[in-house]
N, C-alpha and C. Protein backbone atom coordinates (compact mmCIF):
# COMPACT_ATOMS: atom_id res chain seq x y z
N UNK A 1 -47.43 -28.06 -46.15
CA UNK A 1 -47.11 -27.81 -47.56
C UNK A 1 -45.58 -27.50 -48.66
N UNK A 2 -45.36 -28.74 -49.68
CA UNK A 2 -43.80 -28.88 -50.04
C UNK A 2 -44.38 -27.57 -51.38
N UNK A 3 -42.77 -26.90 -51.35
CA UNK A 3 -42.92 -25.96 -51.58
C UNK A 3 -42.61 -26.22 -53.66
N UNK A 4 -42.22 -25.24 -54.72
CA UNK A 4 -42.28 -25.76 -55.69
C UNK A 4 -40.85 -26.45 -56.33
N UNK A 5 -40.91 -28.24 -56.77
CA UNK A 5 -40.12 -28.59 -57.35
C UNK A 5 -39.29 -28.11 -58.87
N UNK A 6 -38.26 -27.78 -58.93
CA UNK A 6 -38.02 -28.01 -60.39
C UNK A 6 -36.53 -28.22 -61.19
N UNK A 7 -37.05 -28.98 -62.11
CA UNK A 7 -36.42 -30.09 -62.45
C UNK A 7 -35.03 -29.96 -64.45
N UNK A 8 -34.91 -30.28 -64.51
CA UNK A 8 -33.44 -30.33 -65.50
C UNK A 8 -33.23 -31.58 -66.79
N UNK A 9 -33.34 -31.21 -67.53
CA UNK A 9 -33.58 -32.22 -68.88
C UNK A 9 -31.67 -32.57 -69.29
N UNK A 10 -31.05 -33.72 -69.17
CA UNK A 10 -30.22 -33.33 -69.15
C UNK A 10 -29.38 -33.43 -70.14
N UNK A 11 -29.36 -32.76 -71.28
CA UNK A 11 -28.15 -33.70 -72.31
C UNK A 11 -27.60 -33.60 -72.47
N UNK A 12 -26.41 -34.17 -74.00
CA UNK A 12 -24.96 -34.05 -74.00
C UNK A 12 -24.06 -32.92 -73.86
N UNK A 13 -25.37 -31.82 -73.94
CA UNK A 13 -23.88 -31.36 -73.51
C UNK A 13 -23.85 -30.61 -75.13
N UNK A 14 -23.95 -30.87 -76.79
CA UNK A 14 -23.50 -30.83 -77.69
C UNK A 14 -22.48 -31.84 -77.70
N UNK A 15 -22.35 -33.09 -77.33
CA UNK A 15 -20.55 -33.30 -77.01
C UNK A 15 -19.95 -33.85 -76.14
N UNK A 16 -20.69 -33.63 -75.15
CA UNK A 16 -19.90 -33.35 -73.84
C UNK A 16 -19.44 -34.97 -73.64
N UNK A 17 -18.44 -35.32 -72.90
CA UNK A 17 -17.71 -36.01 -71.74
C UNK A 17 -19.14 -36.93 -70.97
N UNK A 18 -19.43 -37.92 -70.52
CA UNK A 18 -20.03 -38.46 -69.38
C UNK A 18 -19.45 -38.20 -68.74
N UNK A 19 -18.20 -37.99 -68.12
CA UNK A 19 -18.02 -36.89 -66.32
C UNK A 19 -18.22 -35.63 -66.88
N UNK A 20 -17.87 -34.62 -67.76
CA UNK A 20 -18.80 -33.49 -67.53
C UNK A 20 -20.09 -33.55 -67.69
N UNK A 21 -20.83 -35.10 -67.98
CA UNK A 21 -22.80 -34.79 -67.27
C UNK A 21 -22.47 -35.41 -66.55
N UNK A 22 -21.84 -36.00 -65.61
CA UNK A 22 -21.99 -35.88 -64.55
C UNK A 22 -21.56 -34.99 -63.75
N UNK A 23 -20.76 -34.31 -63.54
CA UNK A 23 -20.28 -32.95 -63.45
C UNK A 23 -21.41 -32.14 -63.11
N UNK A 24 -21.99 -32.19 -63.95
CA UNK A 24 -22.95 -31.23 -64.73
C UNK A 24 -24.89 -31.51 -63.63
N UNK A 25 -24.38 -32.82 -63.93
CA UNK A 25 -25.54 -33.06 -62.66
C UNK A 25 -25.30 -32.92 -60.85
N UNK A 26 -23.75 -33.19 -60.68
CA UNK A 26 -23.32 -32.64 -59.79
C UNK A 26 -23.94 -31.83 -59.42
N UNK A 27 -23.40 -30.72 -59.74
CA UNK A 27 -23.47 -29.16 -59.94
C UNK A 27 -25.80 -28.14 -60.07
N UNK A 28 -25.83 -29.46 -60.83
CA UNK A 28 -26.99 -28.85 -60.65
C UNK A 28 -27.88 -29.17 -59.33
N UNK A 29 -28.04 -30.56 -58.89
CA UNK A 29 -27.47 -31.53 -58.04
C UNK A 29 -27.19 -30.03 -56.75
N UNK A 30 -25.98 -29.90 -56.24
CA UNK A 30 -25.48 -28.61 -55.18
C UNK A 30 -26.72 -27.23 -55.61
N UNK A 31 -27.08 -27.27 -56.95
CA UNK A 31 -27.39 -25.64 -56.72
C UNK A 31 -29.03 -25.77 -56.59
N UNK A 32 -29.42 -26.95 -56.08
CA UNK A 32 -30.52 -26.89 -55.47
C UNK A 32 -32.23 -28.38 -56.35
N UNK A 33 -31.30 -28.68 -57.86
CA UNK A 33 -33.31 -29.31 -58.59
C UNK A 33 -33.53 -29.96 -57.90
N UNK A 34 -34.52 -30.72 -57.88
CA UNK A 34 -35.10 -31.68 -57.92
C UNK A 34 -34.50 -32.85 -58.13
N UNK A 35 -34.93 -32.70 -59.71
CA UNK A 35 -34.94 -33.57 -60.41
C UNK A 35 -33.98 -33.74 -62.25
N UNK A 36 -33.63 -34.35 -62.27
CA UNK A 36 -32.53 -34.65 -63.64
C UNK A 36 -33.65 -35.60 -64.88
N UNK A 37 -33.59 -35.62 -65.80
CA UNK A 37 -34.33 -35.81 -66.64
C UNK A 37 -33.31 -36.33 -67.83
N UNK A 38 -33.47 -37.86 -68.02
CA UNK A 38 -32.65 -38.21 -69.23
C UNK A 38 -33.23 -38.63 -70.60
N UNK A 39 -32.89 -37.98 -71.72
CA UNK A 39 -33.60 -39.53 -72.68
C UNK A 39 -32.59 -39.24 -73.95
N UNK A 40 -32.92 -41.04 -74.78
CA UNK A 40 -32.33 -40.79 -75.91
C UNK A 40 -32.01 -40.17 -76.54
N UNK A 41 -32.64 -39.37 -76.73
CA UNK A 41 -32.09 -38.71 -78.14
C UNK A 41 -31.30 -37.80 -78.40
N UNK A 42 -30.03 -37.56 -77.83
CA UNK A 42 -28.68 -37.11 -76.84
C UNK A 42 -27.84 -37.96 -77.24
N UNK A 43 -27.96 -39.51 -77.85
CA UNK A 43 -26.96 -39.40 -78.15
C UNK A 43 -26.20 -40.86 -76.77
N UNK A 44 -26.67 -40.78 -75.81
CA UNK A 44 -25.86 -41.87 -74.84
C UNK A 44 -27.87 -42.68 -74.25
N UNK A 45 -27.06 -44.18 -74.15
CA UNK A 45 -28.13 -44.46 -73.53
C UNK A 45 -28.89 -43.99 -72.17
N UNK A 46 -30.28 -43.46 -72.68
CA UNK A 46 -30.39 -43.12 -70.85
C UNK A 46 -30.95 -43.42 -69.64
N UNK A 47 -30.77 -45.02 -69.48
CA UNK A 47 -30.89 -45.53 -68.48
C UNK A 47 -29.96 -46.35 -67.58
N UNK A 48 -28.79 -45.82 -68.56
CA UNK A 48 -27.52 -45.90 -68.74
C UNK A 48 -26.97 -44.15 -67.73
N UNK A 49 -27.37 -43.83 -68.39
CA UNK A 49 -26.73 -42.23 -68.42
C UNK A 49 -27.25 -42.21 -66.53
N UNK A 50 -28.46 -42.29 -66.43
CA UNK A 50 -29.43 -42.38 -65.30
C UNK A 50 -28.82 -43.15 -64.11
N UNK A 51 -28.16 -44.34 -64.48
CA UNK A 51 -27.22 -44.97 -63.15
C UNK A 51 -26.26 -44.79 -62.95
N UNK A 52 -25.60 -44.05 -63.79
CA UNK A 52 -23.64 -43.68 -63.82
C UNK A 52 -24.26 -41.96 -62.70
N UNK A 53 -25.71 -41.26 -63.20
CA UNK A 53 -25.32 -40.25 -62.17
C UNK A 53 -26.13 -40.64 -61.09
N UNK A 54 -26.89 -41.27 -61.16
CA UNK A 54 -27.29 -41.83 -59.43
C UNK A 54 -26.29 -42.08 -58.73
N UNK A 55 -25.04 -43.17 -59.04
CA UNK A 55 -23.91 -43.43 -58.23
C UNK A 55 -23.50 -42.06 -57.49
N UNK A 56 -23.51 -41.05 -58.17
CA UNK A 56 -22.35 -39.82 -58.47
C UNK A 56 -22.95 -39.27 -57.34
N UNK A 57 -24.65 -38.57 -57.52
CA UNK A 57 -25.33 -38.13 -56.55
C UNK A 57 -25.93 -38.83 -55.14
N UNK A 58 -26.82 -37.91 -54.25
CA UNK A 58 -27.28 -38.79 -53.39
C UNK A 58 -28.57 -38.24 -52.84
N UNK A 59 -29.13 -36.59 -53.47
CA UNK A 59 -30.60 -36.59 -53.18
C UNK A 59 -31.23 -35.74 -53.89
N UNK A 60 -30.94 -36.38 -55.55
CA UNK A 60 -31.88 -35.45 -57.17
C UNK A 60 -32.06 -36.57 -56.97
N UNK A 61 -33.43 -36.58 -57.33
CA UNK A 61 -34.65 -37.55 -58.19
C UNK A 61 -33.90 -37.35 -59.27
N UNK A 62 -33.85 -39.10 -60.49
CA UNK A 62 -33.31 -38.90 -61.58
C UNK A 62 -34.28 -40.20 -62.29
N UNK A 63 -34.71 -39.58 -63.37
CA UNK A 63 -36.15 -40.24 -64.23
C UNK A 63 -35.50 -40.56 -65.79
N UNK A 64 -36.09 -40.91 -66.67
CA UNK A 64 -35.77 -40.93 -68.03
C UNK A 64 -37.80 -40.43 -68.92
N UNK A 65 -36.68 -39.59 -69.84
CA UNK A 65 -37.78 -38.92 -70.30
C UNK A 65 -38.34 -39.43 -71.77
N UNK A 66 -36.99 -40.16 -72.19
CA UNK A 66 -37.34 -40.91 -74.10
C UNK A 66 -36.96 -41.82 -73.47
N UNK A 67 -36.80 -43.12 -73.43
CA UNK A 67 -36.04 -44.74 -73.62
C UNK A 67 -37.32 -45.23 -74.94
N UNK A 68 -36.31 -46.36 -75.72
CA UNK A 68 -37.14 -47.47 -75.88
C UNK A 68 -37.06 -48.42 -75.35
N UNK A 69 -38.58 -49.18 -75.17
CA UNK A 69 -38.21 -50.64 -74.36
C UNK A 69 -38.61 -51.69 -74.75
N UNK A 70 -39.13 -51.70 -76.28
CA UNK A 70 -39.35 -52.66 -76.98
C UNK A 70 -37.87 -53.48 -77.45
N UNK A 71 -36.63 -53.00 -77.16
CA UNK A 71 -36.18 -54.29 -77.60
C UNK A 71 -34.95 -54.70 -76.29
N UNK A 72 -36.12 -54.09 -74.82
CA UNK A 72 -35.04 -54.19 -73.80
C UNK A 72 -35.73 -55.11 -72.58
N UNK A 73 -34.67 -55.93 -72.16
CA UNK A 73 -35.74 -57.00 -70.93
C UNK A 73 -36.02 -55.92 -69.78
N UNK A 74 -37.24 -56.93 -69.43
CA UNK A 74 -37.61 -56.47 -68.54
C UNK A 74 -36.73 -55.71 -66.57
N UNK A 75 -35.55 -56.95 -67.48
CA UNK A 75 -35.16 -56.91 -65.99
C UNK A 75 -33.91 -55.47 -65.77
N UNK A 76 -33.64 -55.37 -67.48
CA UNK A 76 -32.95 -53.80 -67.33
C UNK A 76 -33.63 -53.05 -66.88
N UNK A 77 -35.45 -52.28 -67.43
CA UNK A 77 -35.63 -51.41 -67.69
C UNK A 77 -36.06 -51.62 -66.05
């Protein structure tokens, strides 16, 4: 039986830089959070930010919570 998995919604923190968000995500991973979620509603492109964070983390699962799809090529999705 698997234990409870807890995730976080990662906003831009009121104008945080990309480096600050990546560092916050690395800290969340080190603290044992299982998932991190990104949304376009905070100013950064959710898929791009998720890709950058995914490059700098190892075990945390990453997903998008809100992302526009109608203007994106399927290869990008």
